[in-house]
Amino acid sequence: MRFRKIAAALLTLALGFCLCQPAAFAATAADQHTQLQELPVSIQSTGETPLPKETLTVELEAVDNAPLPEVTTLEITDGETGSFGPISYTKPGYYVYTVRQRAGVNTRGTYDETVYYLRVSVVWDNDKLVARMAVHTQADLMDEKVSSITFNNSYKAIETPYYPDPYDPDPVTPPTPSTPENPAPADARPTVTETTTPSAPEPTAPASVVADARPAEGPKLIQTGQLNWPVPVLTASGLVLVAVGAYLMERSKKREKNA
């Protein structure tokens, strides 16, 4: 009888232990979490880099509702490195992200359009969660892993404007005048010019002029007989004018009486 009681007590204790063990394991698993501490991203460039250096935007996006860090956009200056993170995980699984760079605005720039695919594997390792990261450049994640996320940009050289040189003709050297070998000596004697004096003309005697002693005739006077012909003409004209005047006066008086 006593043995049965002891066996029942041991069985009850074992059953209680078995029932409590899964609950304790579940509580421990719920408390487990892991983090991807950082995800570094770099920007490099070649060519004639503008000054000041360009600052570009890099974006992190989740695929299939994967957990995200607080900051999903970085502003990284050319030649520097930024970092996403931390990203927290509470359960095992595979999480995929994309990382891409926005193109800049410099007209001389050619910007890297590579899309990086980040695969984070969260697994149990000795009763704790561990996050492992792998970076690919193809969406199927079947290509070889790359060691880092780096965007390589390039810049063309600044074109120098062409200004043609002004035309500068070659200098022309005038020919050297030739010198006679043995010039003839100059004649030191003065040159004598013969002058001819014209002879004076012989005077001629003027023709003799005999003065006319008669006085010059003046204008002729009107003779007495030449003034007699206008008298009858003037007298007749006066009589005609008197007659016309008397006629006009008589006619005027008749009009006044009849009026």
Protein backbone atom coordinates (compact mmCIF):
# COMPACT_ATOMS: atom_id res chain seq x y z
CA MET A 1 0.00 0.00 0.00
CA ARG A 2 2.77 2.35 0.90
CA PHE A 3 4.63 1.47 -2.30
CA ARG A 4 1.61 2.39 -4.37
CA LYS A 5 1.46 5.83 -2.76
CA ILE A 6 5.10 6.46 -3.49
CA ALA A 7 4.70 5.36 -7.13
CA ALA A 8 1.64 7.58 -7.57
CA ALA A 9 3.53 10.56 -6.17
CA LEU A 10 6.47 9.99 -8.52
CA LEU A 11 4.15 9.61 -11.50
CA THR A 12 2.35 12.84 -10.60
CA LEU A 13 5.66 14.68 -10.28
CA ALA A 14 6.90 13.39 -13.64
CA LEU A 15 3.65 14.31 -15.35
CA GLY A 16 3.79 17.82 -13.91
CA PHE A 17 7.37 18.24 -15.07
CA CYS A 18 6.47 17.14 -18.60
CA LEU A 19 3.53 19.53 -18.75
CA CYS A 20 5.57 22.52 -17.54
CA GLN A 21 8.57 21.97 -19.83
CA PRO A 22 6.92 23.05 -23.20
CA ALA A 23 5.47 26.16 -21.60
CA ALA A 24 8.87 27.14 -20.25
CA PHE A 25 10.46 26.51 -23.65
CA ALA A 26 7.79 28.60 -25.38
CA ALA A 27 8.36 31.46 -22.94
CA THR A 28 12.09 31.28 -23.57
CA ALA A 29 11.60 31.30 -27.36
CA ALA A 30 9.28 34.28 -27.12
CA ASP A 31 11.92 36.21 -25.21
CA GLN A 32 14.59 35.46 -27.83
CA HIS A 33 15.43 38.08 -30.50
CA THR A 34 18.41 39.04 -32.59
CA GLN A 35 19.56 42.10 -34.51
CA LEU A 36 21.40 42.91 -37.69
CA GLN A 37 23.52 45.65 -36.19
CA GLU A 38 24.48 47.56 -39.31
CA LEU A 39 24.29 47.47 -43.09
CA PRO A 40 27.13 49.65 -44.50
CA VAL A 41 26.71 51.38 -47.88
CA SER A 42 29.47 53.27 -49.75
CA ILE A 43 29.55 55.68 -52.69
CA GLN A 44 32.65 56.03 -54.86
CA SER A 45 33.30 57.99 -58.05
CA THR A 46 35.82 58.31 -60.84
CA GLY A 47 36.55 61.08 -63.32
CA GLU A 48 36.51 64.82 -62.69
CA THR A 49 34.49 64.95 -59.48
CA PRO A 50 32.51 68.17 -58.96
CA LEU A 51 33.35 70.46 -56.07
CA PRO A 52 31.75 70.49 -53.62
CA LYS A 53 31.20 66.76 -53.79
CA GLU A 54 27.71 65.55 -54.57
CA THR A 55 25.49 64.08 -51.83
CA LEU A 56 23.27 61.22 -53.01
CA THR A 57 20.29 59.34 -51.56
CA VAL A 58 20.31 55.58 -50.88
CA GLU A 59 17.05 53.74 -50.08
CA LEU A 60 16.39 50.46 -48.23
CA GLU A 61 13.11 48.67 -49.02
CA ALA A 62 11.66 45.48 -47.56
CA VAL A 63 10.33 42.55 -49.59
CA ASP A 64 7.39 40.52 -48.19
CA ASN A 65 6.91 42.66 -45.07
CA ALA A 66 10.36 42.08 -43.66
CA PRO A 67 11.25 44.11 -40.53
CA LEU A 68 12.80 47.52 -41.22
CA PRO A 69 15.11 49.82 -39.26
CA GLU A 70 13.93 53.20 -38.05
CA VAL A 71 15.80 54.99 -40.85
CA THR A 72 15.34 53.64 -44.37
CA THR A 73 16.92 56.53 -46.33
CA LEU A 74 20.55 57.65 -46.15
CA GLU A 75 22.20 60.82 -47.48
CA ILE A 76 25.78 59.87 -48.37
CA THR A 77 28.40 62.23 -49.76
CA ASP A 78 30.59 61.00 -52.58
CA GLY A 79 33.59 59.12 -51.18
CA GLU A 80 31.95 58.37 -47.82
CA THR A 81 30.11 55.45 -46.17
CA GLY A 82 26.73 55.35 -44.43
CA SER A 83 24.96 52.55 -42.56
CA PHE A 84 21.43 51.22 -42.06
CA GLY A 85 20.46 49.51 -38.83
CA PRO A 86 19.93 48.01 -36.46
CA ILE A 87 17.18 45.66 -37.71
CA SER A 88 15.52 43.45 -35.06
CA TYR A 89 14.18 39.91 -35.59
CA THR A 90 12.10 37.84 -33.18
CA LYS A 91 11.58 34.64 -35.13
CA PRO A 92 13.58 32.55 -37.55
CA GLY A 93 13.12 32.95 -41.29
CA TYR A 94 14.50 34.47 -44.47
CA TYR A 95 14.10 38.21 -45.03
CA VAL A 96 14.91 40.01 -48.29
CA TYR A 97 15.62 43.71 -48.88
CA THR A 98 16.60 45.90 -51.82
CA VAL A 99 19.16 48.71 -51.68
CA ARG A 100 19.37 51.26 -54.51
CA GLN A 101 20.79 54.69 -55.21
CA ARG A 102 18.82 57.64 -56.57
CA ALA A 103 20.46 59.31 -59.56
CA GLY A 104 22.04 62.71 -58.96
CA VAL A 105 21.49 65.89 -60.92
CA ASN A 106 24.97 66.69 -62.22
CA THR A 107 24.89 66.80 -66.02
CA ARG A 108 28.40 65.32 -66.24
CA GLY A 109 27.55 62.41 -63.95
CA THR A 110 26.78 58.79 -64.83
CA TYR A 111 25.15 57.15 -61.80
CA ASP A 112 25.32 53.49 -60.79
CA GLU A 113 21.89 51.88 -61.31
CA THR A 114 22.76 48.60 -59.59
CA VAL A 115 20.06 47.16 -57.30
CA TYR A 116 21.52 45.15 -54.41
CA TYR A 117 19.45 42.34 -52.90
CA LEU A 118 20.09 41.70 -49.22
CA ARG A 119 19.10 38.30 -47.78
CA VAL A 120 19.03 37.96 -44.00
CA SER A 121 18.80 34.42 -42.62
CA VAL A 122 17.58 34.22 -39.00
CA VAL A 123 18.22 30.75 -37.52
CA TRP A 124 18.58 29.01 -34.17
CA ASP A 125 22.13 28.46 -33.04
CA ASN A 126 22.59 26.84 -29.60
CA ASP A 127 19.14 27.89 -28.40
CA LYS A 128 19.48 31.49 -29.58
CA LEU A 129 18.54 33.38 -32.72
CA VAL A 130 21.32 34.45 -35.05
CA ALA A 131 21.06 36.74 -38.14
CA ARG A 132 23.32 36.08 -41.10
CA MET A 133 23.52 38.44 -44.09
CA ALA A 134 24.29 37.82 -47.78
CA VAL A 135 24.33 40.44 -50.58
CA HIS A 136 23.50 39.64 -54.22
CA THR A 137 22.96 41.66 -57.39
CA GLN A 138 20.27 39.43 -58.93
CA ALA A 139 16.69 39.13 -57.76
CA ASP A 140 16.73 35.31 -57.72
CA LEU A 141 19.66 35.38 -55.25
CA MET A 142 21.38 32.64 -57.26
CA ASP A 143 24.46 34.65 -58.25
CA GLU A 144 27.63 34.87 -56.25
CA LYS A 145 27.59 36.95 -53.11
CA VAL A 146 29.31 40.34 -53.12
CA SER A 147 31.41 41.56 -50.26
CA SER A 148 29.91 45.04 -49.89
CA ILE A 149 27.26 47.43 -51.14
CA THR A 150 29.12 50.07 -53.12
CA PHE A 151 27.75 52.40 -55.78
CA ASN A 152 30.35 53.45 -58.35
CA ASN A 153 29.58 56.68 -60.20
CA SER A 154 31.63 58.52 -62.81
CA TYR A 155 31.92 62.10 -64.04
CA LYS A 156 32.98 63.39 -67.42
CA ALA A 157 35.74 65.97 -67.67
CA ILE A 158 34.72 69.61 -67.86
CA GLU A 159 34.78 70.68 -71.48
CA THR A 160 37.02 73.67 -72.07
CA PRO A 161 35.49 76.08 -74.60
CA TYR A 162 37.47 76.36 -77.81
CA TYR A 163 38.59 79.84 -78.78
CA PRO A 164 40.55 79.83 -82.05
CA ASP A 165 43.69 81.94 -82.05
CA PRO A 166 43.48 85.13 -84.11
CA TYR A 167 45.20 84.95 -87.48
CA ASP A 168 48.74 86.17 -87.20
CA PRO A 169 50.45 86.23 -90.60
CA ASP A 170 54.12 85.47 -90.81
CA PRO A 171 56.27 88.60 -90.96
CA VAL A 172 57.49 89.46 -94.44
CA THR A 173 61.09 90.58 -94.76
CA PRO A 174 61.55 93.12 -97.58
CA PRO A 175 64.27 92.23 -100.07
CA THR A 176 67.60 93.96 -99.66
CA PRO A 177 68.16 96.49 -102.46
CA SER A 178 71.01 95.59 -104.74
CA THR A 179 74.04 97.89 -104.79
CA PRO A 180 75.97 98.40 -108.05
CA GLU A 181 79.42 96.97 -107.87
CA ASN A 182 81.38 99.96 -109.27
CA PRO A 183 79.24 103.09 -109.46
CA ALA A 184 80.49 105.81 -111.85
CA PRO A 185 81.97 108.83 -110.08
CA ALA A 186 79.76 111.89 -110.04
CA ASP A 187 80.81 114.93 -112.20
CA ALA A 188 81.78 117.71 -109.81
CA ARG A 189 81.55 120.45 -112.46
CA PRO A 190 78.41 122.62 -112.27
CA THR A 191 75.94 122.37 -115.08
CA VAL A 192 75.73 125.57 -117.16
CA THR A 193 72.40 126.38 -118.72
CA GLU A 194 72.45 128.75 -121.65
CA THR A 195 69.82 131.49 -121.53
CA THR A 196 68.62 133.44 -124.61
CA THR A 197 67.57 137.08 -124.19
CA PRO A 198 64.73 137.98 -126.56
CA SER A 199 65.33 141.06 -128.72
CA ALA A 200 63.09 144.08 -128.19
CA PRO A 201 60.57 144.76 -131.00
CA GLU A 202 61.14 147.83 -133.09
CA PRO A 203 58.63 150.67 -132.38
CA THR A 204 56.16 151.56 -135.15
CA ALA A 205 54.97 155.09 -135.75
CA PRO A 206 51.19 155.63 -135.15
CA ALA A 207 49.09 156.80 -138.05
CA SER A 208 48.42 160.49 -138.04
CA VAL A 209 45.01 161.43 -136.79
CA VAL A 210 43.41 164.68 -137.95
CA ALA A 211 40.94 166.01 -135.40
CA ASP A 212 37.50 167.07 -136.73
CA ALA A 213 36.93 170.61 -135.57
CA ARG A 214 33.14 170.47 -136.15
CA PRO A 215 30.99 170.20 -133.01
CA ALA A 216 28.89 167.05 -132.53
CA GLU A 217 25.19 167.40 -133.40
CA GLY A 218 22.75 167.27 -130.40
CA PRO A 219 19.15 165.93 -130.36
CA LYS A 220 16.73 167.56 -132.82
CA LEU A 221 13.84 169.74 -131.43
CA ILE A 222 10.17 169.19 -132.35
CA GLN A 223 9.10 171.47 -135.14
CA THR A 224 5.97 173.72 -134.81
CA GLY A 225 3.97 171.97 -137.52
CA GLN A 226 4.30 168.58 -135.81
CA LEU A 227 2.10 169.70 -132.80
CA ASN A 228 -1.02 170.77 -134.77
CA TRP A 229 -2.56 167.33 -135.53
CA PRO A 230 -3.54 166.29 -131.94
CA VAL A 231 -5.75 169.35 -131.36
CA PRO A 232 -8.77 168.28 -133.49
CA VAL A 233 -8.61 164.73 -132.10
CA LEU A 234 -8.67 165.88 -128.48
CA THR A 235 -11.53 168.33 -129.17
CA ALA A 236 -13.70 165.64 -130.77
CA SER A 237 -13.04 163.22 -127.94
CA GLY A 238 -14.12 165.84 -125.38
CA LEU A 239 -17.39 166.53 -127.20
CA VAL A 240 -18.22 162.84 -127.32
CA LEU A 241 -17.60 162.48 -123.58
CA VAL A 242 -19.83 165.52 -122.81
CA ALA A 243 -22.64 164.11 -124.96
CA VAL A 244 -22.46 160.70 -123.29
CA GLY A 245 -22.52 162.31 -119.86
CA ALA A 246 -25.58 164.45 -120.71
CA TYR A 247 -27.41 161.38 -122.02
CA LEU A 248 -26.71 159.40 -118.91
CA MET A 249 -27.90 162.24 -116.65
CA GLU A 250 -31.14 162.66 -118.61
CA ARG A 251 -31.85 158.98 -118.43
CA SER A 252 -31.27 158.95 -114.72
CA LYS A 253 -33.78 161.77 -114.17
CA LYS A 254 -36.48 159.94 -116.15
CA ARG A 255 -36.05 156.86 -113.99
CA GLU A 256 -36.45 158.92 -110.85
CA LYS A 257 -39.72 160.46 -112.15
CA ASN A 258 -41.18 157.13 -113.13
CA ALA A 259 -40.26 155.58 -109.82
